[in-house]
Amino acid sequence: MSDVLINCPLTGKALSTGWWAESLAFITVKPGAIIHCHHCEQNHPWEIKDAYLKPRATVAGTED
């Protein structure tokens, strides 16, 4: 599972939605969803089109 992220529209920094998923294909976000941003201290509306999965860290010599 990977962390579902969006980018803060003011700073461009990654912001966790608090959700985890294997794929964004099965996630439904309620219209008007709001997330509080710890980067700029503002609330941002977001949609699934804004989201992406955090790249997984890989360790040499291991496989998923």
C-alpha atoms as a PDB file:
ATOM      1  CA  MET A   1       0.000   0.000   0.000  1.00  0.00           C
ATOM      2  CA  SER A   2       1.126   3.530  -0.722  1.00  0.00           C
ATOM      3  CA  ASP A   3       0.224   6.872   0.807  1.00  0.00           C
ATOM      4  CA  VAL A   4      -2.228   8.893  -1.308  1.00  0.00           C
ATOM      5  CA  LEU A   5      -0.836  12.409  -1.764  1.00  0.00           C
ATOM      6  CA  ILE A   6      -1.849  15.718  -3.295  1.00  0.00           C
ATOM      7  CA  ASN A   7       0.286  18.825  -3.749  1.00  0.00           C
ATOM      8  CA  CYS A   8      -0.383  22.018  -1.840  1.00  0.00           C
ATOM      9  CA  PRO A   9      -1.517  24.515  -4.496  1.00  0.00           C
ATOM     10  CA  LEU A  10       0.377  27.331  -2.754  1.00  0.00           C
ATOM     11  CA  THR A  11       3.716  25.679  -1.932  1.00  0.00           C
ATOM     12  CA  GLY A  12       3.726  22.734  -4.350  1.00  0.00           C
ATOM     13  CA  LYS A  13       4.794  20.448  -1.496  1.00  0.00           C
ATOM     14  CA  ALA A  14       3.399  16.922  -1.115  1.00  0.00           C
ATOM     15  CA  LEU A  15       0.572  16.550   1.379  1.00  0.00           C
ATOM     16  CA  SER A  16      -0.761  13.237   2.667  1.00  0.00           C
ATOM     17  CA  THR A  17      -4.517  12.744   2.434  1.00  0.00           C
ATOM     18  CA  GLY A  18      -4.343  10.194   5.238  1.00  0.00           C
ATOM     19  CA  TRP A  19      -5.478   7.463   2.833  1.00  0.00           C
ATOM     20  CA  TRP A  20      -3.521   4.409   1.698  1.00  0.00           C
ATOM     21  CA  ALA A  21      -4.132   2.477  -1.528  1.00  0.00           C
ATOM     22  CA  GLU A  22      -2.613   0.076  -4.032  1.00  0.00           C
ATOM     23  CA  SER A  23      -4.245   1.952  -6.918  1.00  0.00           C
ATOM     24  CA  LEU A  24      -6.162   5.184  -7.360  1.00  0.00           C
ATOM     25  CA  ALA A  25      -8.620   3.379  -9.659  1.00  0.00           C
ATOM     26  CA  PHE A  26     -10.838   2.220  -6.788  1.00  0.00           C
ATOM     27  CA  ILE A  27     -10.842   5.394  -4.678  1.00  0.00           C
ATOM     28  CA  THR A  28     -13.894   7.628  -4.598  1.00  0.00           C
ATOM     29  CA  VAL A  29     -13.579  11.093  -3.106  1.00  0.00           C
ATOM     30  CA  LYS A  30     -16.762  12.846  -2.062  1.00  0.00           C
ATOM     31  CA  PRO A  31     -17.369  16.081  -4.016  1.00  0.00           C
ATOM     32  CA  GLY A  32     -16.247  19.049  -1.946  1.00  0.00           C
ATOM     33  CA  ALA A  33     -13.626  17.064   0.015  1.00  0.00           C
ATOM     34  CA  ILE A  34     -11.379  19.396   2.012  1.00  0.00           C
ATOM     35  CA  ILE A  35      -7.968  18.736   3.523  1.00  0.00           C
ATOM     36  CA  HIS A  36      -6.098  20.937   5.990  1.00  0.00           C
ATOM     37  CA  CYS A  37      -2.572  21.670   4.801  1.00  0.00           C
ATOM     38  CA  HIS A  38       0.235  21.725   7.347  1.00  0.00           C
ATOM     39  CA  HIS A  39       2.506  23.498   4.845  1.00  0.00           C
ATOM     40  CA  CYS A  40       0.453  26.687   4.460  1.00  0.00           C
ATOM     41  CA  GLU A  41      -2.150  26.213   7.247  1.00  0.00           C
ATOM     42  CA  GLN A  42      -5.041  26.604   4.801  1.00  0.00           C
ATOM     43  CA  ASN A  43      -7.822  24.231   3.778  1.00  0.00           C
ATOM     44  CA  HIS A  44      -7.752  22.933   0.202  1.00  0.00           C
ATOM     45  CA  PRO A  45     -10.517  21.241  -1.754  1.00  0.00           C
ATOM     46  CA  TRP A  46      -9.301  18.172  -3.637  1.00  0.00           C
ATOM     47  CA  GLU A  47     -10.492  15.536  -6.079  1.00  0.00           C
ATOM     48  CA  ILE A  48      -9.080  12.170  -7.053  1.00  0.00           C
ATOM     49  CA  LYS A  49      -7.677  13.763 -10.252  1.00  0.00           C
ATOM     50  CA  ASP A  50      -5.362  15.789  -7.963  1.00  0.00           C
ATOM     51  CA  ALA A  51      -4.028  12.703  -6.161  1.00  0.00           C
ATOM     52  CA  TYR A  52      -1.062  10.427  -6.764  1.00  0.00           C
ATOM     53  CA  LEU A  53       0.573   7.552  -4.924  1.00  0.00           C
ATOM     54  CA  LYS A  54       3.770   8.122  -2.975  1.00  0.00           C
ATOM     55  CA  PRO A  55       6.594   6.258  -4.686  1.00  0.00           C
ATOM     56  CA  ARG A  56       7.642   3.242  -2.663  1.00  0.00           C
ATOM     57  CA  ALA A  57      11.142   3.158  -1.262  1.00  0.00           C
ATOM     58  CA  THR A  58      13.046   0.128  -2.449  1.00  0.00           C
ATOM     59  CA  VAL A  59      15.758  -1.690  -0.578  1.00  0.00           C
ATOM     60  CA  ALA A  60      18.537  -3.325  -2.560  1.00  0.00           C
ATOM     61  CA  GLY A  61      18.139  -7.080  -2.692  1.00  0.00           C
ATOM     62  CA  THR A  62      14.387  -7.115  -1.981  1.00  0.00           C
ATOM     63  CA  GLU A  63      11.377  -7.404  -4.213  1.00  0.00           C
ATOM     64  CA  ASP A  64       7.670  -6.632  -3.717  1.00  0.00           C
END
